[in-house]
Amino acid sequence: MALIITLLTLSISAQFHLSYSNQSPTIYEILRSNGLPIGLLPKGVTNLIYDESGRFEVHLDQACNSKFENELHYDVNVSGTLTYGKIDGVSGISAQDLFMWFSVKEIRVDVPSSGLIYFDVGVVHKQFSLSSFDTPRDCLATSVLDDNQLVVQTGHKIQSRKFGHHEEHSMAVL
């Protein structure tokens, strides 16, 4: 009887190990293994495509905004190419600075011990505290209406603001 229980336990343990090891890593695990904080992407990633070259694409249920030192906007699809300490060719993330929205082109951590992370928005490099991105944040749903209004749901209130395109890589809030 003890032999049967031992064999059964070993069999279940082996099956669990095989099923666990066959699971694909999450985008958060991939970010961490590339020396980047897991909070660069919000909670709610529903799908991940990742290849050996470092190219990734994630899908969110809806476009959303998240508040850090500045506000970030995430499109439904976010993509880029991961190398250690950097994401190149970022698509689907915009950062707000003052009253302007800028498309993020690159995210990098030069020296992890500096505690800084840099967002390249094409015109300038914004630096933020690395610790701001320690954990994935909740994201507030956003949508674009036909008359170019960005609507942000914040609990019981709905705030809206007009925006239009300003140059290739930014949106101005009017």
Protein backbone atom coordinates (compact mmCIF):
# COMPACT_ATOMS: atom_id res chain seq x y z
CA MET A 1 0.00 0.00 0.00
CA ALA A 2 2.82 2.43 0.86
CA LEU A 3 4.44 1.61 -2.49
CA ILE A 4 1.22 2.47 -4.37
CA ILE A 5 0.86 5.78 -2.51
CA THR A 6 4.51 6.65 -3.20
CA LEU A 7 4.16 5.83 -6.91
CA LEU A 8 0.93 7.82 -7.14
CA THR A 9 2.54 10.81 -5.40
CA LEU A 10 5.57 10.68 -7.73
CA SER A 11 3.31 10.43 -10.77
CA ILE A 12 1.23 13.47 -9.74
CA SER A 13 4.39 15.42 -8.89
CA ALA A 14 5.93 14.64 -12.29
CA GLN A 15 2.73 15.65 -14.14
CA PHE A 16 2.55 18.92 -12.19
CA HIS A 17 6.20 19.69 -12.96
CA LEU A 18 5.72 18.98 -16.67
CA SER A 19 2.57 21.09 -16.93
CA TYR A 20 4.19 23.93 -14.96
CA SER A 21 7.38 23.91 -17.03
CA ASN A 22 5.37 23.96 -20.29
CA GLN A 23 3.58 27.19 -19.34
CA SER A 24 4.68 30.26 -21.26
CA PRO A 25 6.17 33.08 -19.20
CA THR A 26 4.05 36.16 -18.58
CA ILE A 27 5.05 39.58 -19.92
CA TYR A 28 5.87 40.56 -16.34
CA GLU A 29 8.34 37.65 -16.01
CA ILE A 30 9.86 38.57 -19.38
CA LEU A 31 10.27 42.21 -18.31
CA ARG A 32 11.94 41.16 -15.05
CA SER A 33 14.32 38.74 -16.83
CA ASN A 34 15.34 41.63 -19.10
CA GLY A 35 16.24 43.91 -16.19
CA LEU A 36 13.09 46.02 -16.44
CA PRO A 37 10.44 46.71 -13.80
CA ILE A 38 7.19 44.74 -14.13
CA GLY A 39 5.07 47.85 -13.62
CA LEU A 40 5.87 49.22 -17.08
CA LEU A 41 2.67 47.54 -18.23
CA PRO A 42 -0.62 47.79 -16.35
CA LYS A 43 -2.70 45.00 -14.91
CA GLY A 44 -5.06 43.41 -17.40
CA VAL A 45 -2.77 42.05 -20.12
CA THR A 46 -4.93 39.42 -21.82
CA ASN A 47 -2.65 38.08 -24.53
CA LEU A 48 1.08 37.96 -25.22
CA ILE A 49 3.01 37.31 -28.41
CA TYR A 50 6.78 37.05 -27.85
CA ASP A 51 9.55 35.70 -30.07
CA GLU A 52 13.26 34.88 -29.76
CA SER A 53 14.31 38.25 -31.22
CA GLY A 54 12.69 40.02 -28.25
CA ARG A 55 9.74 41.35 -30.23
CA PHE A 56 6.56 41.37 -28.16
CA GLU A 57 2.96 42.45 -28.43
CA VAL A 58 0.46 42.50 -25.59
CA HIS A 59 -3.27 43.10 -25.68
CA LEU A 60 -5.40 44.81 -23.07
CA ASP A 61 -9.18 44.51 -22.77
CA GLN A 62 -9.46 48.26 -23.32
CA ALA A 63 -7.36 51.39 -23.71
CA CYS A 64 -6.58 52.87 -20.33
CA ASN A 65 -4.64 55.49 -18.36
CA SER A 66 -2.48 54.97 -15.31
CA LYS A 67 -1.00 57.60 -12.99
CA PHE A 68 2.68 57.53 -12.05
CA GLU A 69 4.75 60.71 -11.62
CA ASN A 70 3.01 61.66 -14.89
CA GLU A 71 0.06 59.97 -16.54
CA LEU A 72 0.58 57.17 -19.06
CA HIS A 73 -1.92 56.08 -21.71
CA TYR A 74 -1.93 52.47 -22.96
CA ASP A 75 -3.61 51.57 -26.25
CA VAL A 76 -5.38 48.22 -26.58
CA ASN A 77 -2.22 46.88 -28.30
CA VAL A 78 1.25 47.65 -26.93
CA SER A 79 4.39 46.38 -28.65
CA GLY A 80 8.14 46.78 -28.84
CA THR A 81 11.44 44.93 -28.90
CA LEU A 82 13.06 43.89 -25.61
CA THR A 83 16.79 43.79 -25.01
CA TYR A 84 18.40 43.79 -21.60
CA GLY A 85 17.46 47.04 -19.85
CA LYS A 86 15.60 48.49 -22.83
CA ILE A 87 12.45 48.40 -24.95
CA ASP A 88 12.97 49.80 -28.46
CA GLY A 89 10.32 50.63 -31.03
CA VAL A 90 7.60 51.10 -28.43
CA SER A 91 4.12 51.42 -29.86
CA GLY A 92 0.91 51.95 -27.91
CA ILE A 93 2.19 53.97 -24.92
CA SER A 94 1.88 57.76 -24.56
CA ALA A 95 3.13 59.92 -21.70
CA GLN A 96 1.58 63.18 -20.58
CA ASP A 97 3.83 66.11 -19.71
CA LEU A 98 2.12 69.33 -18.70
CA PHE A 99 -0.78 69.47 -21.16
CA MET A 100 0.83 67.51 -23.98
CA TRP A 101 0.67 63.80 -24.84
CA PHE A 102 3.84 62.30 -26.38
CA SER A 103 4.21 58.87 -27.95
CA VAL A 104 6.87 56.87 -26.11
CA LYS A 105 9.52 55.56 -28.54
CA GLU A 106 11.96 53.86 -26.13
CA ILE A 107 12.16 52.92 -22.46
CA ARG A 108 15.52 52.17 -20.85
CA VAL A 109 17.30 51.61 -17.57
CA ASP A 110 20.95 52.60 -18.05
CA VAL A 111 22.27 51.89 -14.56
CA PRO A 112 19.83 50.01 -12.30
CA SER A 113 21.58 51.27 -9.16
CA SER A 114 20.79 54.88 -10.22
CA GLY A 115 17.12 54.24 -9.48
CA LEU A 116 16.12 55.98 -12.73
CA ILE A 117 14.24 54.89 -15.83
CA TYR A 118 14.16 56.94 -19.04
CA PHE A 119 11.29 57.39 -21.51
CA ASP A 120 12.32 58.68 -24.94
CA VAL A 121 9.42 60.58 -26.51
CA GLY A 122 11.32 61.64 -29.62
CA VAL A 123 12.01 65.24 -28.61
CA VAL A 124 13.27 64.70 -25.07
CA HIS A 125 14.12 61.96 -22.60
CA LYS A 126 12.00 62.04 -19.45
CA GLN A 127 13.44 60.40 -16.35
CA PHE A 128 11.32 58.83 -13.65
CA SER A 129 11.96 57.02 -10.42
CA LEU A 130 12.45 53.32 -11.16
CA SER A 131 10.56 52.43 -7.98
CA SER A 132 7.39 54.00 -9.44
CA PHE A 133 7.20 50.98 -11.75
CA ASP A 134 7.78 48.22 -9.17
CA THR A 135 4.28 46.75 -9.55
CA PRO A 136 1.69 46.75 -12.36
CA ARG A 137 -0.91 49.46 -11.79
CA ASP A 138 -4.64 49.47 -12.23
CA CYS A 139 -5.68 51.33 -15.34
CA LEU A 140 -8.74 53.57 -15.78
CA ALA A 141 -10.67 52.92 -18.98
CA THR A 142 -10.53 55.55 -21.73
CA SER A 143 -12.22 55.93 -25.05
CA VAL A 144 -12.10 58.36 -27.95
CA LEU A 145 -15.36 59.88 -29.12
CA ASP A 146 -16.09 61.01 -32.68
CA ASP A 147 -15.49 64.70 -31.92
CA ASN A 148 -11.90 64.03 -30.70
CA GLN A 149 -12.69 63.95 -27.01
CA LEU A 150 -10.71 61.71 -24.72
CA VAL A 151 -12.98 60.41 -21.98
CA VAL A 152 -11.45 59.11 -18.76
CA GLN A 153 -13.66 57.33 -16.25
CA THR A 154 -12.68 58.14 -12.68
CA GLY A 155 -14.98 56.38 -10.27
CA HIS A 156 -18.32 58.19 -10.29
CA LYS A 157 -17.25 61.15 -12.44
CA ILE A 158 -16.41 61.27 -16.10
CA GLN A 159 -13.78 63.80 -17.12
CA SER A 160 -13.37 64.66 -20.76
CA ARG A 161 -10.86 66.76 -22.61
CA LYS A 162 -10.41 67.69 -26.23
CA PHE A 163 -7.27 66.63 -28.04
CA GLY A 164 -5.82 66.78 -31.49
CA HIS A 165 -2.60 65.72 -33.14
CA HIS A 166 0.45 67.96 -32.82
CA GLU A 167 3.38 66.74 -34.92
CA GLU A 168 3.86 63.07 -35.68
CA HIS A 169 4.64 61.93 -32.13
CA SER A 170 2.40 63.94 -29.80
CA MET A 171 -1.14 64.92 -29.02
CA ALA A 172 -1.94 68.34 -27.59
CA VAL A 173 -4.64 68.64 -24.99
CA LEU A 174 -6.86 71.63 -25.82
